[in-house]
Amino acid sequence: MRDCRPPAQADEGSAKSPGGTHLLRAGYCRRIGKAGRFFGGIDLRKLIEAELIDIVPLKNGFIYLARETLSSGKQAGVFHRYNQVDDKFYQADVLQYIDFKYGRDGRNIASQLGDYATCKTVTLHDGALLASYPNGTIKIVRNGKLTDVDELDYEGAPVCSPAVYGRDVWFAVPDANAVINYSIDHGRTELRIGGPKTKAFCHPIDLKIYNNKLFICNEYSYKIRSISFGNYTVEDFRVFNEEVKSYFRCGEMEYAVLRSGIYQL
């Protein structure tokens, strides 16, 4: 695969937290973060550092699961919720996380899936839930029951991070530097954008759809790129100077998960 990483950058304007913030312990709340600046003139406020396992956007913030070292020295998954209205972090628990991520009947869905934390989920046009795992495993839950388990790849490279637009599902294909439009109904790839020998994407790992555009986080080129569904034009949306893992919106607020933490744009 073509090496699409940008050249090494100096530390100036990088993701070091001006306030030196670290992961907040459960139940401890305070306002954190100061403005910082990344390449491209983007003003960012660092909210938190965390070894993320999963993050779920909410209406007014997000809930996340992170790997933490406890006082006993053991590592465990710990849940936190961020409320953007009062700008505070709160303790959360596994049941809140499941309810937020999977909605009504969430606890049954989580039980059906088994591994409910490392997948990204979307609701298909027929109301079924599709869970996609980083290794290419796809699970579909219909009417509260697990009905399909399969492995999905594009030319041998596993897909991940689904995003629904109409009846079809878009997937990222990190190892092929591509995104694909996949028809669940017909079981085939309808469209591919990018590829191992192109410059469109560089290890795309996260997809979101807003306002008729597909937003693609390119981990190794430090870019969020966008595709307009009107003409399939690929453009830069945000450019950082370190790996970008995820992008999402909560109301009018935008967030990016970078190598060094979670940032408010």
Protein backbone atom coordinates (compact mmCIF):
# COMPACT_ATOMS: atom_id res chain seq x y z
CA MET A 1 0.00 0.00 0.00
CA ARG A 2 1.21 3.48 -0.88
CA ASP A 3 2.77 5.37 2.06
CA CYS A 4 0.48 8.38 2.36
CA ARG A 5 1.73 9.69 5.69
CA PRO A 6 2.70 13.37 5.74
CA PRO A 7 6.32 14.31 6.57
CA ALA A 8 7.20 14.69 10.24
CA GLN A 9 6.11 18.04 11.66
CA ALA A 10 7.62 20.21 14.37
CA ASP A 11 5.80 20.40 17.70
CA GLU A 12 4.73 24.02 17.26
CA GLY A 13 0.94 24.20 17.27
CA SER A 14 0.59 20.52 18.05
CA ALA A 15 -1.80 18.81 20.36
CA LYS A 16 -0.14 19.35 23.71
CA SER A 17 -2.77 20.47 26.18
CA PRO A 18 -2.18 24.09 27.30
CA GLY A 19 -3.83 23.26 30.59
CA GLY A 20 -2.09 19.93 31.07
CA THR A 21 -5.41 18.14 31.51
CA HIS A 22 -5.62 14.41 32.01
CA LEU A 23 -8.43 11.90 32.18
CA LEU A 24 -10.87 12.90 34.90
CA ARG A 25 -11.70 10.33 37.51
CA ALA A 26 -15.30 9.19 37.75
CA GLY A 27 -17.49 11.65 39.64
CA TYR A 28 -15.03 14.54 39.39
CA CYS A 29 -16.35 17.51 37.42
CA ARG A 30 -14.76 20.80 36.43
CA ARG A 31 -14.37 23.05 33.42
CA ILE A 32 -11.26 22.20 31.44
CA GLY A 33 -9.34 23.16 28.37
CA LYS A 34 -8.07 26.25 26.62
CA ALA A 35 -7.98 27.23 23.00
CA GLY A 36 -5.22 25.76 20.87
CA ARG A 37 -4.41 25.99 17.17
CA PHE A 38 -3.67 23.30 14.63
CA PHE A 39 -2.56 23.56 11.01
CA GLY A 40 -5.21 25.04 8.77
CA GLY A 41 -6.12 27.72 11.31
CA ILE A 42 -8.48 25.48 13.28
CA ASP A 43 -9.22 26.63 16.81
CA LEU A 44 -9.50 23.67 19.15
CA ARG A 45 -10.16 23.20 22.83
CA LYS A 46 -8.77 20.07 24.37
CA LEU A 47 -11.34 18.43 26.61
CA ILE A 48 -9.69 15.26 27.81
CA GLU A 49 -6.98 12.67 27.31
CA ALA A 50 -8.23 9.10 27.25
CA GLU A 51 -7.32 5.65 26.00
CA LEU A 52 -10.62 5.32 24.20
CA ILE A 53 -12.40 2.05 23.56
CA ASP A 54 -15.61 3.66 22.29
CA ILE A 55 -17.32 7.03 22.11
CA VAL A 56 -21.01 7.64 21.42
CA PRO A 57 -22.35 11.07 20.39
CA LEU A 58 -25.40 12.32 22.28
CA LYS A 59 -27.75 15.25 21.75
CA ASN A 60 -25.79 17.50 24.11
CA GLY A 61 -22.40 15.82 24.41
CA PHE A 62 -21.08 12.28 24.41
CA ILE A 63 -20.57 9.18 26.52
CA TYR A 64 -17.37 7.18 26.27
CA LEU A 65 -15.63 4.07 27.50
CA ALA A 66 -11.92 4.36 28.25
CA ARG A 67 -9.25 2.02 29.53
CA GLU A 68 -7.91 3.32 32.85
CA THR A 69 -5.47 2.18 35.51
CA LEU A 70 -7.24 1.85 38.83
CA SER A 71 -5.73 2.59 42.24
CA SER A 72 -5.13 -1.14 42.62
CA GLY A 73 -2.87 -1.04 39.57
CA LYS A 74 -5.28 -3.08 37.46
CA GLN A 75 -6.70 -1.79 34.19
CA ALA A 76 -10.43 -1.57 33.63
CA GLY A 77 -12.95 0.00 31.30
CA VAL A 78 -14.52 3.09 32.88
CA PHE A 79 -17.49 5.10 31.59
CA HIS A 80 -17.80 8.89 31.53
CA ARG A 81 -20.31 11.32 30.06
CA TYR A 82 -19.62 14.86 28.88
CA ASN A 83 -22.41 17.48 28.97
CA GLN A 84 -21.63 20.35 26.60
CA VAL A 85 -24.36 22.54 28.12
CA ASP A 86 -22.61 22.92 31.49
CA ASP A 87 -19.18 21.88 30.15
CA LYS A 88 -18.66 19.13 32.72
CA PHE A 89 -17.78 15.44 32.84
CA TYR A 90 -19.86 13.03 34.92
CA GLN A 91 -19.57 9.47 36.10
CA ALA A 92 -21.51 7.00 33.95
CA ASP A 93 -22.11 3.26 34.04
CA VAL A 94 -22.45 0.40 31.62
CA LEU A 95 -26.26 0.46 31.57
CA GLN A 96 -26.35 4.15 30.68
CA TYR A 97 -23.81 3.52 27.92
CA ILE A 98 -25.82 0.62 26.49
CA ASP A 99 -29.08 2.57 26.64
CA PHE A 100 -27.52 5.58 24.87
CA LYS A 101 -25.75 3.50 22.22
CA TYR A 102 -28.53 1.02 21.42
CA GLY A 103 -31.69 2.81 22.48
CA ARG A 104 -34.88 1.00 23.35
CA ASP A 105 -34.27 -2.72 23.88
CA GLY A 106 -30.58 -1.85 24.12
CA ARG A 107 -29.78 -4.35 26.85
CA ASN A 108 -31.21 -7.20 24.81
CA ILE A 109 -29.34 -6.03 21.70
CA ALA A 110 -26.08 -5.85 23.66
CA SER A 111 -26.70 -9.39 24.89
CA GLN A 112 -27.33 -10.58 21.33
CA LEU A 113 -24.11 -9.00 20.06
CA GLY A 114 -21.88 -10.21 22.87
CA ASP A 115 -19.14 -7.68 22.18
CA TYR A 116 -21.17 -4.46 22.37
CA ALA A 117 -18.28 -2.04 22.91
CA THR A 118 -15.79 -2.36 20.04
CA CYS A 119 -18.34 -2.08 17.23
CA LYS A 120 -19.82 0.90 15.44
CA THR A 121 -23.52 0.71 14.73
CA VAL A 122 -26.07 2.12 12.29
CA THR A 123 -29.78 1.61 11.70
CA LEU A 124 -30.59 0.24 8.25
CA HIS A 125 -33.48 1.39 6.08
CA ASP A 126 -35.65 -1.49 7.31
CA GLY A 127 -35.03 -0.71 10.99
CA ALA A 128 -32.47 -3.46 11.58
CA LEU A 129 -29.30 -2.66 13.52
CA LEU A 130 -25.95 -3.31 11.84
CA ALA A 131 -22.85 -3.61 14.01
CA SER A 132 -19.44 -3.39 12.32
CA TYR A 133 -16.21 -4.49 14.00
CA PRO A 134 -12.63 -3.42 13.10
CA ASN A 135 -11.75 -6.90 11.78
CA GLY A 136 -14.54 -6.80 9.19
CA THR A 137 -17.12 -8.80 11.14
CA ILE A 138 -20.68 -7.66 10.50
CA LYS A 139 -23.61 -8.54 12.77
CA ILE A 140 -27.25 -7.65 12.08
CA VAL A 141 -29.99 -7.63 14.72
CA ARG A 142 -33.59 -7.65 13.48
CA ASN A 143 -36.59 -7.47 15.78
CA GLY A 144 -34.39 -8.06 18.81
CA LYS A 145 -32.69 -11.18 17.44
CA LEU A 146 -29.24 -11.70 15.94
CA THR A 147 -30.01 -12.85 12.39
CA ASP A 148 -26.77 -12.42 10.44
CA VAL A 149 -23.05 -12.74 11.18
CA ASP A 150 -20.61 -12.37 8.31
CA GLU A 151 -17.16 -11.15 7.33
CA LEU A 152 -17.11 -8.26 4.87
CA ASP A 153 -14.04 -7.12 2.97
CA TYR A 154 -13.11 -5.27 -0.19
CA GLU A 155 -10.45 -7.08 -2.21
CA GLY A 156 -9.23 -8.82 0.94
CA ALA A 157 -9.18 -5.71 3.15
CA PRO A 158 -11.73 -5.63 6.01
CA VAL A 159 -14.32 -2.86 6.13
CA CYS A 160 -15.30 -0.82 9.18
CA SER A 161 -17.20 2.26 10.39
CA PRO A 162 -20.56 2.09 8.59
CA ALA A 163 -22.61 5.15 7.62
CA VAL A 164 -26.12 4.88 6.16
CA TYR A 165 -27.34 6.97 3.23
CA GLY A 166 -30.65 5.85 1.79
CA ARG A 167 -30.87 2.09 1.36
CA ASP A 168 -27.12 1.52 1.13
CA VAL A 169 -24.25 1.56 3.59
CA TRP A 170 -20.90 3.28 3.19
CA PHE A 171 -17.88 1.61 4.76
CA ALA A 172 -14.28 2.67 5.28
CA VAL A 173 -11.61 0.27 4.00
CA PRO A 174 -8.47 1.39 5.87
CA ASP A 175 -5.99 -1.05 4.32
CA ALA A 176 -7.15 -0.22 0.79
CA ASN A 177 -7.22 3.59 1.25
CA ALA A 178 -10.83 3.55 0.03
CA VAL A 179 -14.46 3.96 0.95
CA ILE A 180 -17.18 1.81 -0.60
CA ASN A 181 -20.93 1.97 -1.04
CA TYR A 182 -22.30 -1.46 -0.21
CA SER A 183 -25.80 -2.74 -0.90
CA ILE A 184 -27.08 -4.88 1.96
CA ASP A 185 -30.10 -5.87 -0.15
CA HIS A 186 -27.99 -7.17 -3.05
CA GLY A 187 -24.87 -8.19 -1.13
CA ARG A 188 -22.43 -6.35 -3.37
CA THR A 189 -20.26 -3.26 -3.62
CA GLU A 190 -21.96 -0.62 -5.76
CA LEU A 191 -19.26 2.05 -5.76
CA ARG A 192 -15.67 2.54 -4.65
CA ILE A 193 -13.93 5.87 -4.14
CA GLY A 194 -10.17 5.91 -3.61
CA GLY A 195 -7.87 2.91 -3.69
CA PRO A 196 -4.36 1.68 -2.83
CA LYS A 197 -2.71 3.63 -5.66
CA THR A 198 -4.70 6.87 -5.36
CA LYS A 199 -4.25 9.94 -3.16
CA ALA A 200 -7.89 10.42 -2.18
CA PHE A 201 -7.62 8.77 1.24
CA CYS A 202 -4.93 7.63 3.65
CA HIS A 203 -6.02 4.87 6.03
CA PRO A 204 -9.65 6.04 6.40
CA ILE A 205 -11.04 4.73 9.69
CA ASP A 206 -14.17 6.70 10.54
CA LEU A 207 -17.20 7.82 8.51
CA LYS A 208 -20.03 10.20 9.35
CA ILE A 209 -22.80 11.71 7.22
CA TYR A 210 -24.05 15.27 7.73
CA ASN A 211 -25.99 17.52 5.33
CA ASN A 212 -25.70 15.18 2.34
CA LYS A 213 -21.94 14.84 2.73
CA LEU A 214 -19.77 11.94 3.79
CA PHE A 215 -16.95 12.91 6.18
CA ILE A 216 -13.92 10.63 6.24
CA CYS A 217 -11.25 10.63 8.95
CA ASN A 218 -7.89 9.76 7.37
CA GLU A 219 -5.71 8.59 10.23
CA TYR A 220 -2.33 8.75 8.51
CA SER A 221 -2.70 11.97 6.49
CA TYR A 222 -4.15 13.83 9.52
CA LYS A 223 -7.14 14.96 7.44
CA ILE A 224 -10.89 14.89 7.54
CA ARG A 225 -12.03 14.84 3.92
CA SER A 226 -15.57 15.12 2.58
CA ILE A 227 -17.51 13.68 -0.34
CA SER A 228 -20.56 15.50 -1.68
CA PHE A 229 -23.31 13.07 -2.63
CA GLY A 230 -24.35 15.49 -5.39
CA ASN A 231 -21.22 15.07 -7.53
CA TYR A 232 -18.90 12.81 -5.45
CA THR A 233 -16.25 15.52 -5.26
CA VAL A 234 -13.56 14.79 -2.64
CA GLU A 235 -12.34 17.83 -0.70
CA ASP A 236 -10.38 18.63 2.46
CA PHE A 237 -12.63 19.57 5.38
CA ARG A 238 -10.17 19.80 8.30
CA VAL A 239 -6.40 19.33 8.41
CA PHE A 240 -4.57 18.61 11.68
CA ASN A 241 -0.97 17.80 12.51
CA GLU A 242 -1.47 14.44 14.16
CA GLU A 243 -3.57 11.31 13.61
CA VAL A 244 -7.32 11.88 13.47
CA LYS A 245 -9.42 8.98 14.73
CA SER A 246 -13.01 10.22 14.67
CA TYR A 247 -15.24 13.22 13.97
CA PHE A 248 -18.80 13.85 15.09
CA ARG A 249 -21.35 16.57 15.80
CA CYS A 250 -23.66 17.11 18.75
CA GLY A 251 -26.18 19.80 17.90
CA GLU A 252 -24.14 22.76 16.67
CA MET A 253 -20.91 21.59 18.33
CA GLU A 254 -18.19 19.66 16.51
CA TYR A 255 -15.69 17.25 18.03
CA ALA A 256 -12.59 15.43 16.82
CA VAL A 257 -10.79 12.52 18.44
CA LEU A 258 -7.07 12.90 17.76
CA ARG A 259 -4.10 10.86 18.90
CA SER A 260 -3.63 13.14 21.92
CA GLY A 261 -7.23 13.40 23.08
CA ILE A 262 -10.78 14.58 22.46
CA TYR A 263 -11.11 18.12 21.13
CA GLN A 264 -13.97 20.56 20.68
CA LEU A 265 -13.71 22.40 17.38
